[in-house]
Amino acid sequence: MRRSWTVVVSEGWLIAALAGILLISAAGHSAAVRGAAKSEKSLSDETSSFAKIRDEWAKNMHAKKLEPLVMMYTPDGVFLPPTGERIVGRDAIRELCRKVMGVVTSDLHFQSAVVDQSGDLAYDSGEFTETLTQVADGSKSETHGSYLMILKRQADGRWLIAEQMWSGMEPPGVRNTAR
């Protein structure tokens, strides 16, 4: 079967156009994959930063380092204990933590389940286990529950806790009465 030159040229242009579209699509896909890999690496780096924040928070609470603990929050940070109260600002968080540290020594371990970030906001959610040692008599109690930390990147690039909450038991004798 004999084809006309016009049909052959038209088919040739069509094949070239399709090949070009496929190459552009493949290049775009490759760039998207590279971008996703870079994004995953960035999230992985940030996830590591969030793990450090969690661990530092627990270490500061255990060592009763009040000021370093409080400075991990934004100035208007919010702490939501299981009692349903809303503790707002570093001064109020400082007072609550001072009371807790005066009554118990905390040995807290976080197990993150989900970490995600979008722009200057991120969250870390998971479970915790905690051994509480009463300062007065050395007695111990075990508790566990869930936590959520919402972090906000500051102008200097540091991540601070904007809001934090947990479910579980409140240590005996530490209910915030500063309302």
Protein backbone atom coordinates (compact mmCIF):
# COMPACT_ATOMS: atom_id res chain seq x y z
CA MET A 1 0.00 0.00 0.00
CA ARG A 2 1.37 3.29 -1.03
CA ARG A 3 0.95 6.37 1.18
CA SER A 4 1.16 9.94 0.10
CA TRP A 5 4.02 12.13 1.20
CA THR A 6 1.57 14.37 3.17
CA VAL A 7 0.31 11.45 5.23
CA VAL A 8 3.86 10.27 5.99
CA VAL A 9 4.95 13.78 7.02
CA SER A 10 1.81 14.25 9.11
CA GLU A 11 2.36 10.91 10.82
CA GLY A 12 5.99 11.84 11.37
CA TRP A 13 5.04 15.15 13.02
CA LEU A 14 2.45 13.39 15.14
CA ILE A 15 4.98 10.80 16.29
CA ALA A 16 7.57 13.52 16.97
CA ALA A 17 5.01 15.56 18.90
CA LEU A 18 3.97 12.56 20.99
CA ALA A 19 7.61 11.66 21.64
CA GLY A 20 8.25 15.24 22.73
CA ILE A 21 5.27 15.20 25.08
CA LEU A 22 6.46 11.92 26.56
CA LEU A 23 9.99 13.30 27.04
CA ILE A 24 8.68 16.48 28.65
CA SER A 25 6.33 14.44 30.83
CA ALA A 26 9.15 12.10 31.84
CA ALA A 27 11.43 15.06 32.62
CA GLY A 28 8.67 16.67 34.64
CA HIS A 29 8.02 13.41 36.45
CA SER A 30 11.73 13.04 37.13
CA ALA A 31 11.88 16.61 38.47
CA ALA A 32 8.78 15.93 40.59
CA VAL A 33 10.38 12.77 41.96
CA ARG A 34 13.58 14.71 42.72
CA GLY A 35 11.48 17.46 44.33
CA ALA A 36 9.54 14.89 46.38
CA ALA A 37 12.79 13.24 47.45
CA LYS A 38 14.17 16.63 48.45
CA SER A 39 10.91 17.42 50.25
CA GLU A 40 11.01 14.05 52.05
CA LYS A 41 14.62 14.75 53.04
CA SER A 42 13.61 18.19 54.36
CA LEU A 43 10.71 16.67 56.30
CA SER A 44 13.05 13.96 57.55
CA ASP A 45 15.48 16.63 58.76
CA GLU A 46 12.64 18.55 60.40
CA THR A 47 11.25 15.34 61.92
CA SER A 48 14.65 14.83 63.53
CA SER A 49 14.46 18.39 64.89
CA PHE A 50 11.01 17.71 66.31
CA ALA A 51 12.28 14.52 67.98
CA LYS A 52 15.03 16.59 69.61
CA ILE A 53 12.45 19.08 70.87
CA ARG A 54 10.36 16.23 72.36
CA ASP A 55 13.41 14.68 74.00
CA GLU A 56 14.69 18.02 75.29
CA TRP A 57 11.28 18.78 76.78
CA ALA A 58 11.24 15.44 78.64
CA LYS A 59 14.86 15.89 79.84
CA ASN A 60 14.18 19.42 81.09
CA MET A 61 11.08 18.23 82.96
CA HIS A 62 12.98 15.30 84.49
CA ALA A 63 15.98 17.46 85.49
CA LYS A 64 13.62 20.19 86.74
CA LYS A 65 15.21 22.79 84.48
CA LEU A 66 12.31 25.20 84.61
CA GLU A 67 13.58 28.12 82.52
CA PRO A 68 14.94 26.06 79.61
CA LEU A 69 11.62 24.17 79.57
CA VAL A 70 9.53 27.35 79.54
CA MET A 71 11.67 28.92 76.80
CA MET A 72 10.74 26.00 74.51
CA TYR A 73 7.30 27.67 74.14
CA THR A 74 6.33 30.67 72.07
CA PRO A 75 5.64 33.73 74.27
CA ASP A 76 1.90 33.12 73.81
CA GLY A 77 2.23 29.33 73.95
CA VAL A 78 -0.67 27.24 75.20
CA PHE A 79 -0.57 24.14 77.39
CA LEU A 80 -3.74 22.04 77.58
CA PRO A 81 -3.66 19.50 80.44
CA PRO A 82 -6.23 16.69 80.67
CA THR A 83 -8.26 18.74 83.15
CA GLY A 84 -9.59 20.87 80.31
CA GLU A 85 -7.88 24.03 81.51
CA ARG A 86 -6.15 26.35 79.08
CA ILE A 87 -2.77 27.53 80.38
CA VAL A 88 -1.73 30.49 78.19
CA GLY A 89 1.64 32.24 77.99
CA ARG A 90 5.08 31.48 79.35
CA ASP A 91 4.34 32.91 82.82
CA ALA A 92 1.34 30.62 83.32
CA ILE A 93 3.22 27.63 81.87
CA ARG A 94 6.16 28.43 84.18
CA GLU A 95 3.84 28.44 87.23
CA LEU A 96 2.22 25.14 86.26
CA CYS A 97 5.57 23.45 85.60
CA ARG A 98 7.00 24.86 88.85
CA LYS A 99 4.12 23.25 90.75
CA VAL A 100 4.53 19.93 88.94
CA MET A 101 8.30 19.90 89.54
CA GLY A 102 7.72 20.62 93.24
CA VAL A 103 5.48 17.59 93.65
CA VAL A 104 6.85 14.91 91.31
CA THR A 105 9.90 13.92 89.33
CA SER A 106 8.90 12.86 85.84
CA ASP A 107 10.52 10.14 83.77
CA LEU A 108 8.71 10.64 80.48
CA HIS A 109 9.08 8.79 77.18
CA PHE A 110 7.41 9.86 73.95
CA GLN A 111 6.57 7.57 71.04
CA SER A 112 5.73 9.68 68.01
CA ALA A 113 3.08 8.31 65.65
CA VAL A 114 2.65 11.16 63.17
CA VAL A 115 4.79 14.18 62.32
CA ASP A 116 3.90 16.60 59.56
CA GLN A 117 4.77 20.12 58.52
CA SER A 118 3.33 22.81 56.31
CA GLY A 119 5.25 26.05 56.02
CA ASP A 120 5.98 27.47 59.46
CA LEU A 121 3.66 25.10 61.33
CA ALA A 122 4.22 21.48 62.26
CA TYR A 123 2.72 18.93 64.56
CA ASP A 124 3.91 15.86 66.38
CA SER A 125 1.36 13.44 67.78
CA GLY A 126 1.79 10.14 69.55
CA GLU A 127 1.74 8.34 72.87
CA PHE A 128 3.70 8.69 76.07
CA THR A 129 4.54 6.63 79.12
CA GLU A 130 5.62 8.26 82.34
CA THR A 131 6.87 7.20 85.73
CA LEU A 132 6.11 9.79 88.40
CA THR A 133 8.08 9.78 91.62
CA GLN A 134 6.49 11.74 94.48
CA VAL A 135 8.95 14.21 95.98
CA ALA A 136 7.37 13.88 99.46
CA ASP A 137 7.71 10.12 99.95
CA GLY A 138 9.43 8.62 96.89
CA SER A 139 6.40 6.58 95.90
CA LYS A 140 6.03 5.88 92.20
CA SER A 141 3.10 5.72 89.84
CA GLU A 142 2.85 4.88 86.17
CA THR A 143 0.78 6.76 83.66
CA HIS A 144 0.34 6.81 79.93
CA GLY A 145 -1.68 8.61 77.31
CA SER A 146 -1.52 10.57 74.09
CA TYR A 147 0.10 13.89 73.29
CA LEU A 148 0.03 16.55 70.61
CA MET A 149 2.63 19.29 70.08
CA ILE A 150 2.02 22.04 67.57
CA LEU A 151 5.25 23.78 66.67
CA LYS A 152 5.80 27.12 65.02
CA ARG A 153 8.96 28.19 63.21
CA GLN A 154 10.24 31.52 64.50
CA ALA A 155 11.78 34.31 62.42
CA ASP A 156 15.25 33.07 63.42
CA GLY A 157 14.42 29.55 62.14
CA ARG A 158 14.00 27.87 65.56
CA TRP A 159 10.96 25.75 66.23
CA LEU A 160 9.05 26.48 69.44
CA ILE A 161 5.98 24.87 70.95
CA ALA A 162 2.89 26.94 70.13
CA GLU A 163 0.38 24.54 71.66
CA GLN A 164 0.75 21.30 73.57
CA MET A 165 -1.80 18.96 75.01
CA TRP A 166 -1.95 15.53 76.50
CA SER A 167 -4.55 13.04 77.60
CA GLY A 168 -4.01 10.73 80.51
CA MET A 169 -3.76 11.20 84.23
CA GLU A 170 -2.71 14.42 85.87
CA PRO A 171 -0.09 13.96 88.60
CA PRO A 172 -1.69 14.10 92.07
CA GLY A 173 -1.48 17.48 93.79
CA VAL A 174 -0.51 19.54 90.73
CA ARG A 175 -3.84 20.89 89.56
CA ASN A 176 -3.33 24.46 88.41
CA THR A 177 -5.12 26.81 90.80
CA ALA A 178 -3.72 30.01 89.30
CA ARG A 179 -6.93 30.73 87.36
